[in-house]
């Protein structure tokens, strides 16, 4: 059942963003489409290259998780909006050296 809901959410997300999603600076069309719901959640209307890059970096490392318990995209799970925003802000402050700690407490740099 959960798989069906995740599939439906991804499909709905594609239709909601896939045809009208802008291509953000420094990202491919596919990357732009995948972060579009997060850009909207953060309230950004025209993100800079740095903002789009940070959203992509943080989101890329939280695959297969729910975003605030809601399957906006199957790629985000068990990360609250506040935590995502915290990681996003840290990334903006240190674009090159930004690191995050995964669930096991291992610190890794984002590529």
N, C-alpha and C. Protein backbone atom coordinates (compact mmCIF):
# COMPACT_ATOMS: atom_id res chain seq x y z
N UNK A 1 0.83 -1.19 0.00
CA UNK A 1 0.00 0.00 0.00
C UNK A 1 0.88 1.27 0.00
N UNK A 2 1.91 1.25 0.85
CA UNK A 2 2.77 2.42 0.93
C UNK A 2 3.48 2.64 -0.41
N UNK A 3 3.91 1.55 -1.05
CA UNK A 3 4.57 1.68 -2.35
C UNK A 3 3.63 2.32 -3.36
N UNK A 4 2.35 1.92 -3.34
CA UNK A 4 1.38 2.49 -4.27
C UNK A 4 1.21 3.99 -4.03
N UNK A 5 1.17 4.37 -2.75
CA UNK A 5 1.03 5.79 -2.43
C UNK A 5 2.26 6.59 -2.87
N UNK A 6 3.44 6.01 -2.66
CA UNK A 6 4.66 6.69 -3.09
C UNK A 6 4.71 6.84 -4.60
N UNK A 7 4.31 5.77 -5.29
CA UNK A 7 4.28 5.82 -6.76
C UNK A 7 3.30 6.87 -7.23
N UNK A 8 2.12 6.89 -6.62
CA UNK A 8 1.11 7.88 -6.98
C UNK A 8 1.61 9.29 -6.71
N UNK A 9 2.28 9.49 -5.57
CA UNK A 9 2.81 10.82 -5.24
C UNK A 9 3.85 11.27 -6.26
N UNK A 10 4.73 10.36 -6.65
CA UNK A 10 5.74 10.70 -7.65
C UNK A 10 5.09 11.04 -8.98
N UNK A 11 4.12 10.24 -9.38
CA UNK A 11 3.41 10.46 -10.63
C UNK A 11 2.69 11.82 -10.60
N UNK A 12 2.01 12.09 -9.49
CA UNK A 12 1.30 13.36 -9.35
C UNK A 12 2.28 14.53 -9.34
N UNK A 13 3.40 14.34 -8.67
CA UNK A 13 4.41 15.39 -8.62
C UNK A 13 4.95 15.70 -10.01
N UNK A 14 5.14 14.66 -10.81
CA UNK A 14 5.61 14.87 -12.17
C UNK A 14 4.62 15.72 -12.96
N UNK A 15 3.33 15.38 -12.85
CA UNK A 15 2.34 16.15 -13.59
C UNK A 15 2.20 17.56 -13.04
N UNK A 16 2.41 17.72 -11.73
CA UNK A 16 2.29 19.05 -11.14
C UNK A 16 3.47 19.94 -11.52
N UNK A 17 4.63 19.34 -11.72
CA UNK A 17 5.81 20.16 -11.98
C UNK A 17 6.49 19.87 -13.31
N UNK A 18 6.27 18.71 -13.86
CA UNK A 18 7.02 18.26 -15.02
C UNK A 18 6.82 19.08 -16.27
N UNK A 19 5.64 19.62 -16.45
CA UNK A 19 5.38 20.35 -17.68
C UNK A 19 5.64 21.85 -17.55
N UNK A 20 5.68 22.35 -16.33
CA UNK A 20 5.82 23.79 -16.15
C UNK A 20 7.03 24.18 -15.31
N UNK A 21 7.78 23.21 -14.84
CA UNK A 21 8.90 23.52 -13.95
C UNK A 21 9.98 24.29 -14.70
N UNK A 22 10.43 25.39 -14.10
CA UNK A 22 11.52 26.13 -14.72
C UNK A 22 12.83 25.36 -14.57
N UNK A 23 13.77 25.67 -15.41
CA UNK A 23 15.10 25.08 -15.28
C UNK A 23 15.93 26.07 -14.46
N UNK A 24 16.37 25.62 -13.29
CA UNK A 24 17.10 26.49 -12.38
C UNK A 24 18.56 26.60 -12.80
N UNK A 25 19.19 27.72 -12.48
CA UNK A 25 20.58 27.95 -12.89
C UNK A 25 21.52 26.86 -12.37
N UNK A 26 22.35 26.35 -13.26
CA UNK A 26 23.35 25.36 -12.88
C UNK A 26 22.84 23.94 -12.75
N UNK A 27 21.56 23.71 -13.01
CA UNK A 27 20.99 22.37 -12.90
C UNK A 27 20.43 21.91 -14.24
N UNK A 28 20.35 20.61 -14.40
CA UNK A 28 19.73 20.07 -15.61
C UNK A 28 18.21 20.16 -15.47
N UNK A 29 17.50 19.89 -16.55
CA UNK A 29 16.04 19.91 -16.51
C UNK A 29 15.52 18.88 -15.51
N UNK A 30 16.09 17.68 -15.51
CA UNK A 30 15.65 16.63 -14.59
C UNK A 30 15.90 17.03 -13.14
N UNK A 31 17.07 17.61 -12.85
CA UNK A 31 17.37 18.05 -11.49
C UNK A 31 16.42 19.17 -11.07
N UNK A 32 16.14 20.08 -11.99
CA UNK A 32 15.23 21.18 -11.69
C UNK A 32 13.83 20.68 -11.36
N UNK A 33 13.37 19.71 -12.14
CA UNK A 33 12.04 19.15 -11.89
C UNK A 33 12.01 18.47 -10.53
N UNK A 34 13.07 17.75 -10.18
CA UNK A 34 13.06 17.00 -8.93
C UNK A 34 13.09 17.91 -7.70
N UNK A 35 13.69 19.09 -7.79
CA UNK A 35 13.74 19.97 -6.62
C UNK A 35 12.65 21.02 -6.63
N UNK A 36 11.88 21.10 -7.69
CA UNK A 36 10.85 22.13 -7.80
C UNK A 36 9.90 22.18 -6.60
N UNK A 37 9.39 21.04 -6.09
CA UNK A 37 8.52 21.12 -4.91
C UNK A 37 9.23 21.70 -3.69
N UNK A 38 10.52 21.43 -3.55
CA UNK A 38 11.27 21.96 -2.42
C UNK A 38 11.50 23.46 -2.56
N UNK A 39 11.74 23.91 -3.78
CA UNK A 39 11.89 25.34 -4.04
C UNK A 39 10.61 26.05 -3.63
N UNK A 40 9.47 25.49 -3.99
CA UNK A 40 8.19 26.07 -3.63
C UNK A 40 7.98 26.04 -2.12
N UNK A 41 8.35 24.93 -1.47
CA UNK A 41 8.21 24.81 -0.02
C UNK A 41 9.03 25.87 0.70
N UNK A 42 10.21 26.16 0.18
CA UNK A 42 11.07 27.18 0.79
C UNK A 42 10.62 28.59 0.45
N UNK A 43 9.64 28.71 -0.44
CA UNK A 43 9.10 30.02 -0.79
C UNK A 43 9.97 30.82 -1.74
N UNK A 44 10.83 30.15 -2.48
CA UNK A 44 11.70 30.84 -3.44
C UNK A 44 10.99 30.94 -4.78
N UNK A 45 11.02 32.12 -5.38
CA UNK A 45 10.39 32.28 -6.69
C UNK A 45 11.39 32.18 -7.82
N UNK A 46 12.59 32.68 -7.59
CA UNK A 46 13.62 32.65 -8.63
C UNK A 46 14.97 32.38 -7.96
N UNK A 47 15.24 31.12 -7.59
CA UNK A 47 16.46 30.83 -6.84
C UNK A 47 17.72 31.09 -7.67
N UNK A 48 18.74 31.53 -6.96
CA UNK A 48 20.04 31.74 -7.61
C UNK A 48 20.69 30.38 -7.86
N UNK A 49 21.81 30.39 -8.56
CA UNK A 49 22.55 29.16 -8.82
C UNK A 49 22.96 28.51 -7.50
N UNK A 50 23.42 29.30 -6.55
CA UNK A 50 23.87 28.79 -5.26
C UNK A 50 22.71 28.17 -4.49
N UNK A 51 21.55 28.84 -4.48
CA UNK A 51 20.38 28.31 -3.78
C UNK A 51 19.93 26.99 -4.39
N UNK A 52 19.84 26.95 -5.71
CA UNK A 52 19.41 25.73 -6.39
C UNK A 52 20.40 24.60 -6.14
N UNK A 53 21.68 24.92 -6.15
CA UNK A 53 22.72 23.93 -5.91
C UNK A 53 22.60 23.35 -4.51
N UNK A 54 22.38 24.19 -3.51
CA UNK A 54 22.26 23.72 -2.13
C UNK A 54 21.01 22.87 -1.94
N UNK A 55 19.91 23.27 -2.54
CA UNK A 55 18.69 22.45 -2.43
C UNK A 55 18.96 21.08 -3.03
N UNK A 56 19.60 21.06 -4.17
CA UNK A 56 19.93 19.79 -4.82
C UNK A 56 20.88 18.94 -3.99
N UNK A 57 21.91 19.56 -3.40
CA UNK A 57 22.88 18.83 -2.59
C UNK A 57 22.21 18.18 -1.38
N UNK A 58 21.41 18.95 -0.67
CA UNK A 58 20.76 18.43 0.53
C UNK A 58 19.76 17.34 0.15
N UNK A 59 18.94 17.61 -0.85
CA UNK A 59 17.91 16.65 -1.25
C UNK A 59 18.51 15.35 -1.77
N UNK A 60 19.60 15.45 -2.50
CA UNK A 60 20.24 14.27 -3.10
C UNK A 60 20.67 13.27 -2.03
N UNK A 61 20.99 13.75 -0.86
CA UNK A 61 21.49 12.89 0.20
C UNK A 61 20.41 12.39 1.14
N UNK A 62 19.15 12.66 0.84
CA UNK A 62 18.04 12.15 1.63
C UNK A 62 17.09 11.38 0.75
N UNK A 63 17.61 10.53 -0.11
CA UNK A 63 16.78 9.72 -1.00
C UNK A 63 16.04 8.67 -0.18
N UNK A 64 14.89 8.29 -0.66
CA UNK A 64 14.05 7.25 -0.08
C UNK A 64 13.54 7.63 1.31
N UNK A 65 13.32 8.88 1.55
CA UNK A 65 12.79 9.35 2.82
C UNK A 65 11.58 10.23 2.58
N UNK A 66 10.70 10.31 3.61
CA UNK A 66 9.53 11.17 3.52
C UNK A 66 9.89 12.57 4.00
N UNK A 67 9.36 13.58 3.35
CA UNK A 67 9.60 14.96 3.74
C UNK A 67 8.50 15.38 4.69
N UNK A 68 8.83 15.54 5.97
CA UNK A 68 7.87 15.88 7.01
C UNK A 68 6.74 14.87 7.09
N UNK A 69 7.02 13.61 6.76
CA UNK A 69 6.01 12.56 6.82
C UNK A 69 5.05 12.57 5.66
N UNK A 70 5.22 13.48 4.72
CA UNK A 70 4.33 13.57 3.56
C UNK A 70 5.14 13.21 2.32
N UNK A 71 4.59 12.35 1.50
CA UNK A 71 5.31 11.90 0.31
C UNK A 71 5.17 12.91 -0.82
N UNK A 72 5.79 14.09 -0.65
CA UNK A 72 5.78 15.06 -1.74
C UNK A 72 6.58 14.51 -2.90
N UNK A 73 7.63 13.86 -2.61
CA UNK A 73 8.44 13.08 -3.55
C UNK A 73 8.97 11.90 -2.75
N UNK A 74 9.04 10.72 -3.33
CA UNK A 74 9.56 9.59 -2.57
C UNK A 74 11.01 9.79 -2.13
N UNK A 75 11.67 10.76 -2.69
CA UNK A 75 13.09 10.95 -2.37
C UNK A 75 13.35 11.54 -0.98
N UNK A 76 12.34 12.07 -0.30
CA UNK A 76 12.59 12.76 0.96
C UNK A 76 11.77 12.14 2.08
N UNK A 77 12.44 11.61 3.11
CA UNK A 77 11.70 11.01 4.21
C UNK A 77 12.41 11.22 5.53
N UNK A 78 11.62 11.26 6.56
CA UNK A 78 12.13 11.39 7.92
C UNK A 78 13.05 12.59 8.10
N UNK A 79 12.86 13.58 7.31
CA UNK A 79 13.59 14.84 7.49
C UNK A 79 12.52 15.93 7.56
N UNK A 80 12.53 16.69 8.62
CA UNK A 80 11.52 17.72 8.77
C UNK A 80 11.86 18.92 7.90
N UNK A 81 10.87 19.74 7.67
CA UNK A 81 11.11 20.95 6.90
C UNK A 81 12.13 21.84 7.61
N UNK A 82 12.03 21.86 8.95
CA UNK A 82 12.98 22.68 9.72
C UNK A 82 14.41 22.15 9.55
N UNK A 83 14.58 20.83 9.58
CA UNK A 83 15.91 20.24 9.42
C UNK A 83 16.43 20.49 8.00
N UNK A 84 15.55 20.33 7.01
CA UNK A 84 15.96 20.60 5.63
C UNK A 84 16.41 22.05 5.50
N UNK A 85 15.62 22.96 6.07
CA UNK A 85 15.96 24.39 5.99
C UNK A 85 17.28 24.67 6.71
N UNK A 86 17.51 23.99 7.83
CA UNK A 86 18.77 24.17 8.56
C UNK A 86 19.96 23.73 7.71
N UNK A 87 19.86 22.56 7.08
CA UNK A 87 20.94 22.07 6.22
C UNK A 87 21.13 22.98 5.01
N UNK A 88 20.02 23.46 4.47
CA UNK A 88 20.05 24.37 3.32
C UNK A 88 20.79 25.66 3.68
N UNK A 89 20.48 26.22 4.84
CA UNK A 89 21.13 27.46 5.28
C UNK A 89 22.63 27.24 5.52
N UNK A 90 22.98 26.09 6.11
CA UNK A 90 24.40 25.78 6.32
C UNK A 90 25.13 25.66 4.99
N UNK A 91 24.48 25.07 4.02
CA UNK A 91 25.08 24.93 2.70
C UNK A 91 25.33 26.30 2.08
N UNK A 92 24.36 27.20 2.21
CA UNK A 92 24.51 28.54 1.64
C UNK A 92 25.69 29.29 2.27
N UNK A 93 25.94 29.03 3.56
CA UNK A 93 27.03 29.71 4.25
C UNK A 93 28.40 29.15 3.89
N UNK A 94 28.44 27.89 3.44
CA UNK A 94 29.71 27.26 3.11
C UNK A 94 29.51 26.31 1.93
N UNK A 95 29.39 26.88 0.74
CA UNK A 95 29.07 26.10 -0.46
C UNK A 95 30.06 24.99 -0.75
N UNK A 96 31.33 25.25 -0.59
CA UNK A 96 32.35 24.27 -0.97
C UNK A 96 32.57 23.23 0.12
N UNK A 97 32.64 23.65 1.36
CA UNK A 97 32.96 22.73 2.44
C UNK A 97 31.76 22.16 3.16
N UNK A 98 30.56 22.36 2.63
CA UNK A 98 29.35 21.89 3.30
C UNK A 98 29.38 20.39 3.52
N UNK A 99 29.10 19.98 4.76
CA UNK A 99 29.02 18.56 5.11
C UNK A 99 27.73 18.32 5.87
N UNK A 100 27.28 17.08 5.85
CA UNK A 100 26.11 16.72 6.64
C UNK A 100 26.44 15.45 7.38
N UNK A 101 25.71 15.19 8.45
CA UNK A 101 25.87 13.94 9.19
C UNK A 101 24.70 13.06 8.83
N UNK A 102 24.99 11.86 8.38
CA UNK A 102 23.91 10.95 8.02
C UNK A 102 23.34 10.29 9.28
N UNK A 103 22.42 9.38 9.10
CA UNK A 103 21.73 8.75 10.22
C UNK A 103 22.68 8.00 11.16
N UNK A 104 23.83 7.62 10.67
CA UNK A 104 24.79 6.88 11.49
C UNK A 104 25.84 7.79 12.12
N UNK A 105 25.68 9.09 11.94
CA UNK A 105 26.61 10.03 12.53
C UNK A 105 27.91 10.19 11.78
N UNK A 106 27.99 9.68 10.59
CA UNK A 106 29.20 9.79 9.78
C UNK A 106 29.13 11.09 9.00
N UNK A 107 30.14 11.90 9.12
CA UNK A 107 30.17 13.17 8.40
C UNK A 107 30.76 12.95 7.02
N UNK A 108 30.01 13.39 6.00
CA UNK A 108 30.49 13.26 4.62
C UNK A 108 30.30 14.59 3.91
N UNK A 109 31.18 14.86 2.99
CA UNK A 109 31.04 16.03 2.15
C UNK A 109 30.05 15.75 1.05
N UNK A 110 29.33 16.75 0.61
CA UNK A 110 28.39 16.58 -0.49
C UNK A 110 29.09 16.90 -1.79
N UNK A 111 28.88 16.10 -2.78
CA UNK A 111 29.50 16.30 -4.08
C UNK A 111 28.47 16.81 -5.06
